[in-house]
Amino acid sequence: MSFDDLLAANREFAADFSYGGFDGVARAGVAIVTCMDSRIDPLGIIGLEPGDAKIFRNPGGRVTEAALEAIVLGVHLLNVRRVLVVPHTRCAVASNSEETLRERVAASAGVDATWQRFHVIEDQVATLGLDVHRVTSHPLIPDTVEVGGFVYDVDTGLLTQHV
């Protein structure tokens, strides 16, 4: 497999690159924790542009320890004042069991995957509430930071606030 097509696309992107010299703060004061799903355009779904927000992506859009680290840094060093936690509909980790995901990965990999944990989500809205609470109760995230929990519908493009 080659990366030639991607490098060619990068050269086109760089030809009129306009973000050089930018300081890296979140110009809109926003941080987004969302899933790695390729159907999600984290900036586009809320009308932002590159440079406006800090984005952290992982399977399921969970507020993990790494996500909390990113949020703390964003709040204290990068102008973040609002945090959106955004899982989505038809998510693989919210619509499969741990066993099913292990079986599917094992079938693809051709090796045993029973040891791998995928952190499935049994109740997406309840889990979203827990994740928002992880942010709002963190001792390094002040009460002045607004935190909301939303579900993104991959079929309509709409966000629905749950928390």
Protein backbone atom coordinates (compact mmCIF):
# COMPACT_ATOMS: atom_id res chain seq x y z
CA MET A 1 0.00 0.00 0.00
CA SER A 2 1.33 3.41 -0.91
CA PHE A 3 0.76 6.87 0.47
CA ASP A 4 1.47 8.61 -2.85
CA ASP A 5 -2.15 9.70 -3.36
CA LEU A 6 -2.32 11.19 0.10
CA LEU A 7 1.00 12.99 -0.27
CA ALA A 8 -0.16 14.41 -3.60
CA ALA A 9 -3.36 15.64 -1.94
CA ASN A 10 -1.25 17.15 0.84
CA ARG A 11 0.83 19.11 -1.66
CA GLU A 12 -2.39 20.53 -3.14
CA PHE A 13 -3.60 21.41 0.36
CA ALA A 14 -0.30 23.08 1.23
CA ALA A 15 -0.27 25.12 -2.00
CA ASP A 16 -2.72 27.63 -0.49
CA PHE A 17 -2.20 26.84 3.18
CA SER A 18 -3.42 29.71 5.35
CA TYR A 19 -2.92 28.48 8.92
CA GLY A 20 0.82 29.06 9.20
CA GLY A 21 1.79 31.08 12.24
CA PHE A 22 -1.53 30.47 14.03
CA ASP A 23 -1.01 30.11 17.79
CA GLY A 24 -3.16 26.97 18.16
CA VAL A 25 -5.72 28.29 20.65
CA ALA A 26 -9.37 27.43 20.11
CA ARG A 27 -10.59 30.67 18.53
CA ALA A 28 -14.26 29.83 19.23
CA GLY A 29 -13.43 28.59 22.73
CA VAL A 30 -14.82 25.12 21.97
CA ALA A 31 -13.60 21.58 22.60
CA ILE A 32 -15.34 18.55 21.11
CA VAL A 33 -15.01 14.94 22.25
CA THR A 34 -16.48 12.70 19.58
CA CYS A 35 -16.15 9.34 17.90
CA MET A 36 -13.55 8.41 15.31
CA ASP A 37 -16.37 7.58 12.87
CA SER A 38 -15.61 8.99 9.42
CA ARG A 39 -19.21 10.16 8.98
CA ILE A 40 -18.59 12.91 11.53
CA ASP A 41 -17.19 16.29 10.54
CA PRO A 42 -16.67 17.71 14.05
CA LEU A 43 -16.19 21.30 12.92
CA GLY A 44 -18.81 21.29 10.19
CA ILE A 45 -21.62 19.96 12.36
CA ILE A 46 -21.47 23.08 14.53
CA GLY A 47 -20.50 25.60 11.87
CA LEU A 48 -16.85 26.03 12.83
CA GLU A 49 -13.64 26.23 10.80
CA PRO A 50 -10.12 24.88 11.36
CA GLY A 51 -8.56 26.70 14.30
CA ASP A 52 -11.88 27.28 16.06
CA ALA A 53 -11.95 24.20 18.29
CA LYS A 54 -9.93 21.49 19.96
CA ILE A 55 -11.04 18.03 18.85
CA PHE A 56 -10.51 14.71 20.61
CA ARG A 57 -11.69 11.53 18.87
CA ASN A 58 -11.92 7.93 20.02
CA PRO A 59 -14.22 4.92 19.55
CA GLY A 60 -17.63 5.84 20.95
CA GLY A 61 -16.73 9.47 21.67
CA ARG A 62 -16.01 8.63 25.30
CA VAL A 63 -14.52 10.92 27.94
CA THR A 64 -11.49 8.77 28.69
CA GLU A 65 -8.49 9.73 30.82
CA ALA A 66 -6.77 10.94 27.64
CA ALA A 67 -9.82 13.02 26.71
CA LEU A 68 -9.88 14.56 30.19
CA GLU A 69 -6.20 15.41 29.83
CA ALA A 70 -6.94 17.14 26.53
CA ILE A 71 -9.87 19.06 28.04
CA VAL A 72 -7.83 20.22 31.05
CA LEU A 73 -5.05 21.46 28.76
CA GLY A 74 -7.61 23.08 26.46
CA VAL A 75 -9.32 24.89 29.33
CA HIS A 76 -6.16 26.20 30.95
CA LEU A 77 -3.88 26.79 27.97
CA LEU A 78 -5.92 26.93 24.78
CA ASN A 79 -8.98 29.16 25.36
CA VAL A 80 -11.57 26.37 25.78
CA ARG A 81 -14.73 27.63 27.53
CA ARG A 82 -17.31 25.16 26.19
CA VAL A 83 -17.05 21.38 25.86
CA LEU A 84 -19.31 19.24 23.71
CA VAL A 85 -19.37 15.47 24.25
CA VAL A 86 -20.78 13.97 21.05
CA PRO A 87 -21.34 10.25 20.47
CA HIS A 88 -23.48 9.30 17.46
CA THR A 89 -26.23 7.05 16.20
CA ARG A 90 -25.41 3.68 14.64
CA CYS A 91 -22.07 3.53 16.48
CA ALA A 92 -20.34 0.15 16.38
CA VAL A 93 -19.36 0.27 20.06
CA ALA A 94 -22.92 1.20 21.06
CA SER A 95 -24.68 -1.36 18.86
CA ASN A 96 -22.54 -4.48 19.33
CA SER A 97 -21.57 -6.58 22.30
CA GLU A 98 -17.98 -6.93 23.45
CA GLU A 99 -18.11 -10.55 22.25
CA THR A 100 -19.40 -9.59 18.80
CA LEU A 101 -16.68 -6.98 18.30
CA ARG A 102 -14.01 -9.44 19.42
CA GLU A 103 -15.35 -12.06 17.00
CA ARG A 104 -15.42 -9.58 14.11
CA VAL A 105 -11.89 -8.35 14.81
CA ALA A 106 -10.61 -11.91 15.22
CA ALA A 107 -12.18 -12.89 11.90
CA SER A 108 -10.53 -9.93 10.19
CA ALA A 109 -7.15 -10.31 11.93
CA GLY A 110 -6.99 -14.09 11.73
CA VAL A 111 -5.83 -14.25 15.36
CA ASP A 112 -7.48 -14.49 18.76
CA ALA A 113 -8.92 -11.20 19.97
CA THR A 114 -10.65 -12.38 23.16
CA TRP A 115 -8.14 -10.43 25.25
CA GLN A 116 -8.89 -7.06 23.58
CA ARG A 117 -11.37 -4.79 25.31
CA PHE A 118 -13.49 -2.48 23.15
CA HIS A 119 -15.43 -0.65 25.89
CA VAL A 120 -18.89 -1.22 24.41
CA ILE A 121 -21.67 1.15 25.40
CA GLU A 122 -24.89 -0.52 26.54
CA ASP A 123 -26.95 2.65 27.11
CA GLN A 124 -25.66 5.53 25.03
CA VAL A 125 -27.64 8.31 26.73
CA ALA A 126 -26.84 7.08 30.25
CA THR A 127 -23.17 6.76 29.33
CA LEU A 128 -23.25 10.27 27.86
CA GLY A 129 -24.52 11.55 31.19
CA LEU A 130 -21.68 9.81 33.00
CA ASP A 131 -19.13 11.24 30.57
CA VAL A 132 -20.46 14.78 30.99
CA HIS A 133 -20.29 14.30 34.76
CA ARG A 134 -16.64 13.19 34.43
CA VAL A 135 -15.90 16.57 32.88
CA THR A 136 -18.01 18.73 35.19
CA SER A 137 -16.70 17.04 38.34
CA HIS A 138 -13.02 17.13 37.39
CA PRO A 139 -11.10 19.24 39.94
CA LEU A 140 -9.06 21.01 37.23
CA ILE A 141 -12.07 22.04 35.16
CA PRO A 142 -13.73 25.12 36.65
CA ASP A 143 -17.49 25.56 36.94
CA THR A 144 -17.26 28.42 34.45
CA VAL A 145 -16.70 25.89 31.64
CA GLU A 146 -20.00 24.95 29.99
CA VAL A 147 -20.33 21.23 29.22
CA GLY A 148 -23.06 19.63 27.12
CA GLY A 149 -23.82 16.10 25.99
CA PHE A 150 -25.26 15.62 22.51
CA VAL A 151 -25.96 12.71 20.18
CA TYR A 152 -25.16 13.26 16.50
CA ASP A 153 -27.50 11.55 14.04
CA VAL A 154 -25.37 10.23 11.18
CA ASP A 155 -28.45 9.98 8.94
CA THR A 156 -29.82 13.52 9.38
CA GLY A 157 -26.76 15.53 10.48
CA LEU A 158 -28.63 16.86 13.51
CA LEU A 159 -27.41 17.13 17.09
CA THR A 160 -29.78 16.41 19.95
CA GLN A 161 -28.81 17.66 23.40
CA HIS A 162 -29.34 15.12 26.18
CA VAL A 163 -27.27 16.63 29.01
